[in-house]
Amino acid sequence: MKQVIYFKKMIFLFICCVALSCTKSNIRNLSKDDKSHDRNGWFLKRAAQFDMSLAEAEKRDLALSESHPPEYEDEAIKKEAAVLWRDLCSLCHGANGDPKDSLIVEPKPKKFGTLGMKMGFTFGGDKMRSGIYRVIRDGKGERMPAFGKQLAREQMWALVKYIERL
């Protein structure tokens, strides 16, 4: 009986998280049809977008530095970042980067969009950005998974820039 009550509470918490994540954020303009891409799917999308081969798209991504973000940012990558945030990050970090919207993870993860974070981006610049990139790529502790094998470098940098805009 206790397991049934626990299961019902977990379902309720999950529904609350989804509702909170979808109500107030930069991601609310996305449709349910907007899907994030895995690493290979992203390479295929970029190859088609730039009229290049899959190998050229992969080479283009590998040419990106892991210590500072690319200078360019087009609408496709901005949208991909928003979809990735919605699909991979918002459940724990909240739709707007505020983990108070997240009811699942304890202790709560880092809050993004704070004055301290904005100061870090302003004064820390690429050092701050590369630190966040490394956490996305390698994970952190037991709670933050590594996405380095799942996402392309360009996607991870897009997430860093998305976090900076929160």
N, C-alpha and C. Protein backbone atom coordinates (compact mmCIF):
# COMPACT_ATOMS: atom_id res chain seq x y z
N MET A 1 0.82 -1.20 0.00
CA MET A 1 0.00 0.00 0.00
C MET A 1 0.86 1.26 0.00
N LYS A 2 1.95 1.23 0.78
CA LYS A 2 2.84 2.39 0.83
C LYS A 2 3.47 2.66 -0.54
N GLN A 3 3.78 1.59 -1.27
CA GLN A 3 4.38 1.74 -2.60
C GLN A 3 3.41 2.41 -3.56
N VAL A 4 2.13 2.10 -3.46
CA VAL A 4 1.12 2.72 -4.32
C VAL A 4 1.02 4.21 -4.02
N ILE A 5 1.00 4.57 -2.76
CA ILE A 5 0.94 5.99 -2.38
C ILE A 5 2.19 6.71 -2.84
N TYR A 6 3.36 6.10 -2.63
CA TYR A 6 4.61 6.70 -3.09
C TYR A 6 4.60 6.91 -4.60
N PHE A 7 4.15 5.89 -5.35
CA PHE A 7 4.08 5.98 -6.81
C PHE A 7 3.14 7.12 -7.23
N LYS A 8 1.99 7.25 -6.60
CA LYS A 8 1.05 8.33 -6.92
C LYS A 8 1.67 9.69 -6.64
N LYS A 9 2.41 9.82 -5.55
CA LYS A 9 3.08 11.09 -5.23
C LYS A 9 4.13 11.42 -6.29
N MET A 10 4.88 10.40 -6.73
CA MET A 10 5.90 10.64 -7.75
C MET A 10 5.27 11.07 -9.07
N ILE A 11 4.15 10.45 -9.43
CA ILE A 11 3.44 10.84 -10.65
C ILE A 11 2.97 12.29 -10.52
N PHE A 12 2.41 12.64 -9.37
CA PHE A 12 1.96 14.01 -9.13
C PHE A 12 3.12 14.99 -9.24
N LEU A 13 4.25 14.67 -8.63
CA LEU A 13 5.41 15.55 -8.69
C LEU A 13 5.90 15.71 -10.12
N PHE A 14 5.92 14.62 -10.89
CA PHE A 14 6.35 14.70 -12.28
C PHE A 14 5.41 15.59 -13.08
N ILE A 15 4.12 15.45 -12.90
CA ILE A 15 3.15 16.29 -13.61
C ILE A 15 3.33 17.75 -13.23
N CYS A 16 3.55 18.01 -11.95
CA CYS A 16 3.79 19.39 -11.50
C CYS A 16 5.05 19.96 -12.16
N CYS A 17 6.11 19.17 -12.22
CA CYS A 17 7.35 19.63 -12.85
C CYS A 17 7.12 19.97 -14.31
N VAL A 18 6.44 19.11 -15.01
CA VAL A 18 6.17 19.36 -16.42
C VAL A 18 5.33 20.62 -16.58
N ALA A 19 4.31 20.76 -15.75
CA ALA A 19 3.45 21.95 -15.83
C ALA A 19 4.24 23.21 -15.54
N LEU A 20 5.06 23.19 -14.50
CA LEU A 20 5.86 24.37 -14.17
C LEU A 20 6.88 24.66 -15.25
N SER A 21 7.45 23.63 -15.82
CA SER A 21 8.47 23.82 -16.85
C SER A 21 7.89 24.41 -18.12
N CYS A 22 6.64 24.20 -18.36
CA CYS A 22 6.04 24.65 -19.62
C CYS A 22 5.30 25.98 -19.49
N THR A 23 5.15 26.50 -18.29
CA THR A 23 4.31 27.68 -18.15
C THR A 23 5.03 28.99 -18.33
N LYS A 24 6.23 29.12 -17.84
CA LYS A 24 6.87 30.42 -17.88
C LYS A 24 8.33 30.30 -18.26
N SER A 25 8.61 30.49 -19.53
CA SER A 25 10.00 30.38 -19.94
C SER A 25 10.18 30.77 -21.38
N ASN A 26 11.44 30.77 -21.78
CA ASN A 26 11.77 31.00 -23.18
C ASN A 26 11.36 29.81 -24.04
N ILE A 27 11.12 28.68 -23.43
CA ILE A 27 10.80 27.48 -24.19
C ILE A 27 9.32 27.35 -24.47
N ARG A 28 8.48 28.20 -23.92
CA ARG A 28 7.04 28.02 -24.13
C ARG A 28 6.61 28.30 -25.56
N ASN A 29 7.44 28.95 -26.35
CA ASN A 29 7.11 29.21 -27.75
C ASN A 29 7.38 28.01 -28.64
N LEU A 30 7.93 26.96 -28.08
CA LEU A 30 8.21 25.76 -28.87
C LEU A 30 6.94 24.93 -28.99
N SER A 31 6.82 24.24 -30.09
CA SER A 31 5.68 23.33 -30.24
C SER A 31 6.12 21.93 -29.83
N LYS A 32 5.13 21.07 -29.64
CA LYS A 32 5.44 19.68 -29.29
C LYS A 32 6.16 18.97 -30.44
N ASP A 33 6.02 19.50 -31.64
CA ASP A 33 6.67 18.91 -32.80
C ASP A 33 8.16 19.24 -32.87
N ASP A 34 8.60 20.25 -32.11
CA ASP A 34 10.01 20.61 -32.09
C ASP A 34 10.78 19.55 -31.30
N LYS A 35 11.64 18.86 -31.96
CA LYS A 35 12.41 17.77 -31.35
C LYS A 35 13.89 18.12 -31.34
N SER A 36 14.55 17.75 -30.26
CA SER A 36 16.00 17.92 -30.22
C SER A 36 16.64 16.79 -31.03
N HIS A 37 17.88 16.99 -31.37
CA HIS A 37 18.60 16.02 -32.18
C HIS A 37 19.73 15.41 -31.37
N ASP A 38 19.97 14.12 -31.60
CA ASP A 38 21.18 13.54 -31.04
C ASP A 38 22.35 14.02 -31.90
N ARG A 39 23.53 13.65 -31.53
CA ARG A 39 24.75 14.10 -32.22
C ARG A 39 24.66 13.85 -33.74
N ASN A 40 24.34 12.64 -34.15
CA ASN A 40 24.29 12.31 -35.58
C ASN A 40 23.14 13.03 -36.28
N GLY A 41 22.00 13.12 -35.61
CA GLY A 41 20.88 13.86 -36.18
C GLY A 41 21.21 15.32 -36.41
N TRP A 42 21.99 15.88 -35.48
CA TRP A 42 22.41 17.28 -35.63
C TRP A 42 23.34 17.43 -36.83
N PHE A 43 24.27 16.49 -36.98
CA PHE A 43 25.18 16.55 -38.13
C PHE A 43 24.40 16.45 -39.44
N LEU A 44 23.40 15.59 -39.48
CA LEU A 44 22.58 15.47 -40.69
C LEU A 44 21.83 16.77 -40.97
N LYS A 45 21.28 17.38 -39.93
CA LYS A 45 20.56 18.64 -40.10
C LYS A 45 21.48 19.74 -40.62
N ARG A 46 22.66 19.85 -40.02
CA ARG A 46 23.60 20.89 -40.43
C ARG A 46 24.15 20.60 -41.84
N ALA A 47 24.38 19.35 -42.17
CA ALA A 47 24.86 18.99 -43.51
C ALA A 47 23.84 19.44 -44.55
N ALA A 48 22.56 19.19 -44.29
CA ALA A 48 21.51 19.62 -45.21
C ALA A 48 21.40 21.13 -45.27
N GLN A 49 21.51 21.77 -44.11
CA GLN A 49 21.37 23.23 -44.04
C GLN A 49 22.49 23.93 -44.81
N PHE A 50 23.70 23.42 -44.70
CA PHE A 50 24.85 24.07 -45.33
C PHE A 50 25.28 23.40 -46.63
N ASP A 51 24.48 22.46 -47.11
CA ASP A 51 24.75 21.77 -48.37
C ASP A 51 26.16 21.18 -48.38
N MET A 52 26.41 20.32 -47.39
CA MET A 52 27.70 19.65 -47.27
C MET A 52 27.47 18.19 -46.94
N SER A 53 28.52 17.42 -46.99
CA SER A 53 28.40 16.01 -46.65
C SER A 53 28.35 15.85 -45.13
N LEU A 54 27.93 14.67 -44.71
CA LEU A 54 27.90 14.36 -43.28
C LEU A 54 29.30 14.44 -42.68
N ALA A 55 30.29 13.94 -43.40
CA ALA A 55 31.68 13.99 -42.93
C ALA A 55 32.15 15.43 -42.76
N GLU A 56 31.75 16.30 -43.70
CA GLU A 56 32.12 17.72 -43.59
C GLU A 56 31.44 18.38 -42.40
N ALA A 57 30.19 18.00 -42.13
CA ALA A 57 29.48 18.55 -40.97
C ALA A 57 30.16 18.13 -39.67
N GLU A 58 30.58 16.86 -39.61
CA GLU A 58 31.29 16.37 -38.42
C GLU A 58 32.63 17.09 -38.26
N LYS A 59 33.35 17.25 -39.36
CA LYS A 59 34.64 17.93 -39.32
C LYS A 59 34.46 19.38 -38.88
N ARG A 60 33.40 20.03 -39.37
CA ARG A 60 33.09 21.42 -38.98
C ARG A 60 32.87 21.51 -37.47
N ASP A 61 32.17 20.51 -36.91
CA ASP A 61 31.91 20.51 -35.48
C ASP A 61 33.19 20.26 -34.69
N LEU A 62 34.00 19.32 -35.14
CA LEU A 62 35.25 19.01 -34.43
C LEU A 62 36.23 20.18 -34.47
N ALA A 63 36.07 21.06 -35.45
CA ALA A 63 36.95 22.23 -35.54
C ALA A 63 36.62 23.29 -34.48
N LEU A 64 35.46 23.16 -33.86
CA LEU A 64 35.08 24.12 -32.82
C LEU A 64 35.95 23.90 -31.59
N SER A 65 36.34 24.99 -30.99
CA SER A 65 37.16 24.93 -29.79
C SER A 65 36.33 24.43 -28.62
N GLU A 66 36.99 23.82 -27.66
CA GLU A 66 36.30 23.45 -26.42
C GLU A 66 36.62 24.43 -25.30
N SER A 67 37.37 25.48 -25.62
CA SER A 67 37.72 26.47 -24.59
C SER A 67 37.01 27.81 -24.79
N HIS A 68 36.44 28.05 -25.96
CA HIS A 68 35.63 29.27 -26.15
C HIS A 68 34.57 29.01 -27.21
N PRO A 69 33.42 29.68 -27.06
CA PRO A 69 32.30 29.40 -27.97
C PRO A 69 32.54 29.94 -29.37
N PRO A 70 31.82 29.39 -30.35
CA PRO A 70 31.93 29.92 -31.71
C PRO A 70 31.37 31.35 -31.77
N GLU A 71 31.86 32.11 -32.71
CA GLU A 71 31.44 33.51 -32.85
C GLU A 71 30.04 33.63 -33.44
N TYR A 72 29.64 32.67 -34.23
CA TYR A 72 28.35 32.73 -34.91
C TYR A 72 27.26 32.09 -34.05
N GLU A 73 26.05 32.46 -34.34
CA GLU A 73 24.89 31.80 -33.74
C GLU A 73 23.69 32.10 -34.62
N ASP A 74 23.22 31.10 -35.35
CA ASP A 74 22.07 31.31 -36.23
C ASP A 74 20.78 30.89 -35.54
N GLU A 75 19.66 31.11 -36.20
CA GLU A 75 18.36 30.80 -35.61
C GLU A 75 18.18 29.30 -35.38
N ALA A 76 18.75 28.48 -36.25
CA ALA A 76 18.62 27.02 -36.08
C ALA A 76 19.27 26.56 -34.78
N ILE A 77 20.44 27.09 -34.47
CA ILE A 77 21.12 26.66 -33.24
C ILE A 77 20.45 27.25 -32.01
N LYS A 78 19.90 28.45 -32.11
CA LYS A 78 19.16 29.03 -30.97
C LYS A 78 17.93 28.18 -30.64
N LYS A 79 17.22 27.77 -31.69
CA LYS A 79 16.04 26.93 -31.48
C LYS A 79 16.45 25.57 -30.93
N GLU A 80 17.51 25.00 -31.47
CA GLU A 80 18.00 23.71 -30.97
C GLU A 80 18.35 23.81 -29.49
N ALA A 81 18.98 24.90 -29.08
CA ALA A 81 19.33 25.08 -27.67
C ALA A 81 18.08 25.12 -26.80
N ALA A 82 17.05 25.84 -27.25
CA ALA A 82 15.81 25.91 -26.48
C ALA A 82 15.16 24.53 -26.36
N VAL A 83 15.18 23.77 -27.43
CA VAL A 83 14.59 22.42 -27.41
C VAL A 83 15.42 21.49 -26.53
N LEU A 84 16.75 21.59 -26.64
CA LEU A 84 17.61 20.78 -25.77
C LEU A 84 17.38 21.13 -24.31
N TRP A 85 17.27 22.43 -24.02
CA TRP A 85 17.01 22.85 -22.63
C TRP A 85 15.71 22.23 -22.15
N ARG A 86 14.66 22.34 -22.96
CA ARG A 86 13.36 21.79 -22.59
C ARG A 86 13.46 20.28 -22.36
N ASP A 87 14.12 19.58 -23.27
CA ASP A 87 14.13 18.12 -23.24
C ASP A 87 15.12 17.53 -22.24
N LEU A 88 16.27 18.18 -22.05
CA LEU A 88 17.33 17.58 -21.24
C LEU A 88 17.58 18.27 -19.90
N CYS A 89 17.28 19.57 -19.82
CA CYS A 89 17.74 20.34 -18.67
C CYS A 89 16.64 20.83 -17.73
N SER A 90 15.48 21.20 -18.31
CA SER A 90 14.48 21.91 -17.53
C SER A 90 13.86 21.08 -16.42
N LEU A 91 13.85 19.78 -16.54
CA LEU A 91 13.26 18.96 -15.49
C LEU A 91 13.99 19.17 -14.16
N CYS A 92 15.29 19.29 -14.20
CA CYS A 92 16.08 19.51 -12.97
C CYS A 92 16.35 20.99 -12.71
N HIS A 93 16.68 21.74 -13.77
CA HIS A 93 17.08 23.13 -13.60
C HIS A 93 15.93 24.11 -13.70
N GLY A 94 14.73 23.65 -14.05
CA GLY A 94 13.58 24.53 -14.20
C GLY A 94 13.56 25.18 -15.57
N ALA A 95 12.39 25.56 -15.99
CA ALA A 95 12.22 26.13 -17.33
C ALA A 95 13.02 27.40 -17.53
N ASN A 96 13.12 28.21 -16.49
CA ASN A 96 13.85 29.48 -16.58
C ASN A 96 15.20 29.45 -15.88
N GLY A 97 15.69 28.27 -15.59
CA GLY A 97 16.98 28.16 -14.92
C GLY A 97 16.88 28.26 -13.42
N ASP A 98 15.65 28.28 -12.89
CA ASP A 98 15.44 28.36 -11.45
C ASP A 98 14.98 27.00 -10.95
N PRO A 99 15.82 26.29 -10.22
CA PRO A 99 15.47 24.93 -9.81
C PRO A 99 14.31 24.87 -8.84
N LYS A 100 13.82 26.03 -8.33
CA LYS A 100 12.64 25.96 -7.46
C LYS A 100 11.45 25.43 -8.25
N ASP A 101 11.50 25.55 -9.60
CA ASP A 101 10.46 24.98 -10.45
C ASP A 101 10.57 23.46 -10.52
N SER A 102 11.69 22.93 -10.09
CA SER A 102 11.93 21.49 -10.16
C SER A 102 11.59 20.88 -8.81
N LEU A 103 10.76 19.88 -8.83
CA LEU A 103 10.36 19.23 -7.58
C LEU A 103 11.04 17.89 -7.38
N ILE A 104 11.84 17.46 -8.32
CA ILE A 104 12.39 16.11 -8.26
C ILE A 104 13.77 16.05 -7.60
N VAL A 105 14.68 16.91 -7.98
CA VAL A 105 16.07 16.79 -7.55
C VAL A 105 16.31 17.45 -6.19
N GLU A 106 16.92 16.72 -5.30
CA GLU A 106 17.36 17.25 -4.01
C GLU A 106 18.80 16.82 -3.80
N PRO A 107 19.72 17.63 -3.38
CA PRO A 107 19.55 19.08 -3.28
C PRO A 107 19.40 19.72 -4.66
N LYS A 108 18.83 20.89 -4.66
CA LYS A 108 18.54 21.57 -5.92
C LYS A 108 19.83 21.92 -6.66
N PRO A 109 19.80 21.85 -8.00
CA PRO A 109 20.98 22.23 -8.78
C PRO A 109 21.16 23.74 -8.80
N LYS A 110 22.24 24.18 -9.41
CA LYS A 110 22.59 25.59 -9.50
C LYS A 110 21.48 26.40 -10.16
N LYS A 111 21.24 27.59 -9.63
CA LYS A 111 20.26 28.51 -10.21
C LYS A 111 20.96 29.37 -11.25
N PHE A 112 20.39 29.42 -12.45
CA PHE A 112 20.94 30.23 -13.53
C PHE A 112 20.15 31.53 -13.63
N GLY A 113 20.73 32.53 -14.25
CA GLY A 113 20.05 33.81 -14.45
C GLY A 113 20.18 34.77 -13.29
N THR A 114 21.00 34.44 -12.30
CA THR A 114 21.18 35.31 -11.15
C THR A 114 22.17 36.43 -11.48
N LEU A 115 22.21 37.42 -10.63
CA LEU A 115 23.18 38.51 -10.82
C LEU A 115 24.60 37.95 -10.79
N GLY A 116 24.85 37.00 -9.89
CA GLY A 116 26.18 36.39 -9.81
C GLY A 116 26.56 35.69 -11.11
N MET A 117 25.61 34.98 -11.70
CA MET A 117 25.88 34.31 -12.97
C MET A 117 26.14 35.34 -14.06
N LYS A 118 25.34 36.38 -14.11
CA LYS A 118 25.52 37.42 -15.13
C LYS A 118 26.88 38.11 -14.96
N MET A 119 27.28 38.35 -13.71
CA MET A 119 28.60 38.94 -13.46
C MET A 119 29.70 37.97 -13.89
N GLY A 120 29.50 36.68 -13.64
CA GLY A 120 30.48 35.68 -14.05
C GLY A 120 30.67 35.67 -15.56
N PHE A 121 29.56 35.78 -16.31
CA PHE A 121 29.66 35.83 -17.76
C PHE A 121 30.31 37.13 -18.21
N THR A 122 29.99 38.23 -17.52
CA THR A 122 30.54 39.53 -17.91
C THR A 122 32.03 39.61 -17.63
N PHE A 123 32.44 39.24 -16.43
CA PHE A 123 33.84 39.40 -16.04
C PHE A 123 34.67 38.13 -16.26
N GLY A 124 34.04 36.97 -16.17
CA GLY A 124 34.76 35.72 -16.39
C GLY A 124 34.84 35.34 -17.85
N GLY A 125 33.87 35.84 -18.62
CA GLY A 125 33.87 35.62 -20.07
C GLY A 125 33.99 34.17 -20.47
N ASP A 126 34.95 33.89 -21.35
CA ASP A 126 35.10 32.55 -21.90
C ASP A 126 35.52 31.53 -20.85
N LYS A 127 36.15 31.98 -19.77
CA LYS A 127 36.51 31.05 -18.69
C LYS A 127 35.23 30.50 -18.05
N MET A 128 34.27 31.36 -17.80
CA MET A 128 32.98 30.95 -17.25
C MET A 128 32.26 30.04 -18.25
N ARG A 129 32.21 30.46 -19.49
CA ARG A 129 31.53 29.69 -20.54
C ARG A 129 32.15 28.30 -20.70
N SER A 130 33.48 28.23 -20.72
CA SER A 130 34.14 26.93 -20.91
C SER A 130 33.92 26.03 -19.69
N GLY A 131 33.80 26.63 -18.51
CA GLY A 131 33.50 25.83 -17.31
C GLY A 131 32.12 25.19 -17.41
N ILE A 132 31.14 25.95 -17.85
CA ILE A 132 29.79 25.40 -18.03
C ILE A 132 29.80 24.35 -19.14
N TYR A 133 30.52 24.62 -20.21
CA TYR A 133 30.64 23.66 -21.32
C TYR A 133 31.19 22.33 -20.80
N ARG A 134 32.24 22.39 -19.97
CA ARG A 134 32.84 21.16 -19.44
C ARG A 134 31.86 20.37 -18.58
N VAL A 135 31.04 21.08 -17.79
CA VAL A 135 30.05 20.39 -16.96
C VAL A 135 29.00 19.72 -17.85
N ILE A 136 28.57 20.39 -18.91
CA ILE A 136 27.62 19.78 -19.84
C ILE A 136 28.26 18.56 -20.50
N ARG A 137 29.50 18.70 -20.93
CA ARG A 137 30.20 17.61 -21.62
C ARG A 137 30.51 16.43 -20.69
N ASP A 138 31.04 16.71 -19.50
CA ASP A 138 31.56 15.67 -18.62
C ASP A 138 30.63 15.29 -17.47
N GLY A 139 29.61 16.10 -17.21
CA GLY A 139 28.74 15.87 -16.07
C GLY A 139 29.39 16.37 -14.79
N LYS A 140 28.66 16.22 -13.69
CA LYS A 140 29.20 16.66 -12.40
C LYS A 140 28.57 15.81 -11.30
N GLY A 141 29.40 15.10 -10.61
CA GLY A 141 28.90 14.25 -9.53
C GLY A 141 27.96 13.18 -10.05
N GLU A 142 27.07 12.77 -9.18
CA GLU A 142 26.14 11.70 -9.54
C GLU A 142 24.86 12.23 -10.18
N ARG A 143 24.54 13.50 -9.95
CA ARG A 143 23.24 14.01 -10.39
C ARG A 143 23.26 14.63 -11.78
N MET A 144 24.37 15.24 -12.19
CA MET A 144 24.43 15.90 -13.49
C MET A 144 25.07 14.96 -14.50
N PRO A 145 24.28 14.42 -15.44
CA PRO A 145 24.84 13.48 -16.41
C PRO A 145 25.75 14.17 -17.43
N ALA A 146 26.63 13.39 -18.01
CA ALA A 146 27.50 13.88 -19.08
C ALA A 146 26.77 13.76 -20.41
N PHE A 147 26.86 14.82 -21.22
CA PHE A 147 26.22 14.82 -22.53
C PHE A 147 27.22 14.86 -23.67
N GLY A 148 28.51 14.71 -23.37
CA GLY A 148 29.56 14.82 -24.37
C GLY A 148 29.48 13.80 -25.50
N LYS A 149 28.96 12.63 -25.23
CA LYS A 149 28.84 11.61 -26.27
C LYS A 149 27.50 11.69 -26.99
N GLN A 150 26.55 12.36 -26.38
CA GLN A 150 25.20 12.46 -26.93
C GLN A 150 25.04 13.68 -27.83
N LEU A 151 25.76 14.76 -27.53
CA LEU A 151 25.59 16.03 -28.24
C LEU A 151 26.86 16.43 -28.98
N ALA A 152 26.67 17.18 -30.05
CA ALA A 152 27.79 17.75 -30.80
C ALA A 152 28.34 18.95 -30.01
N ARG A 153 29.56 19.33 -30.30
CA ARG A 153 30.16 20.51 -29.65
C ARG A 153 29.29 21.74 -29.86
N GLU A 154 28.80 21.91 -31.08
CA GLU A 154 27.98 23.08 -31.40
C GLU A 154 26.72 23.10 -30.53
N GLN A 155 26.12 21.96 -30.28
CA GLN A 155 24.94 21.90 -29.43
C GLN A 155 25.27 22.25 -27.98
N MET A 156 26.40 21.76 -27.50
CA MET A 156 26.79 22.07 -26.11
C MET A 156 27.08 23.57 -25.96
N TRP A 157 27.76 24.15 -26.94
CA TRP A 157 28.00 25.60 -26.89
C TRP A 157 26.68 26.37 -26.98
N ALA A 158 25.75 25.87 -27.75
CA ALA A 158 24.43 26.53 -27.84
C ALA A 158 23.75 26.51 -26.48
N LEU A 159 23.88 25.42 -25.75
CA LEU A 159 23.31 25.37 -24.40
C LEU A 159 23.99 26.36 -23.47
N VAL A 160 25.30 26.50 -23.60
CA VAL A 160 26.03 27.50 -22.78
C VAL A 160 25.47 28.90 -23.06
N LYS A 161 25.30 29.22 -24.33
CA LYS A 161 24.78 30.54 -24.68
C LYS A 161 23.33 30.69 -24.22
N TYR A 162 22.56 29.62 -24.26
CA TYR A 162 21.19 29.66 -23.77
C TYR A 162 21.18 29.97 -22.27
N ILE A 163 22.05 29.30 -21.53
CA ILE A 163 22.17 29.54 -20.09
C ILE A 163 22.57 30.99 -19.84
N GLU A 164 23.47 31.50 -20.66
CA GLU A 164 23.90 32.90 -20.48
C GLU A 164 22.74 33.87 -20.67
N ARG A 165 21.80 33.52 -21.54
CA ARG A 165 20.66 34.41 -21.80
C ARG A 165 19.55 34.29 -20.76
N LEU A 166 19.60 33.27 -19.92
CA LEU A 166 18.53 33.09 -18.92
C LEU A 166 18.46 34.27 -17.98
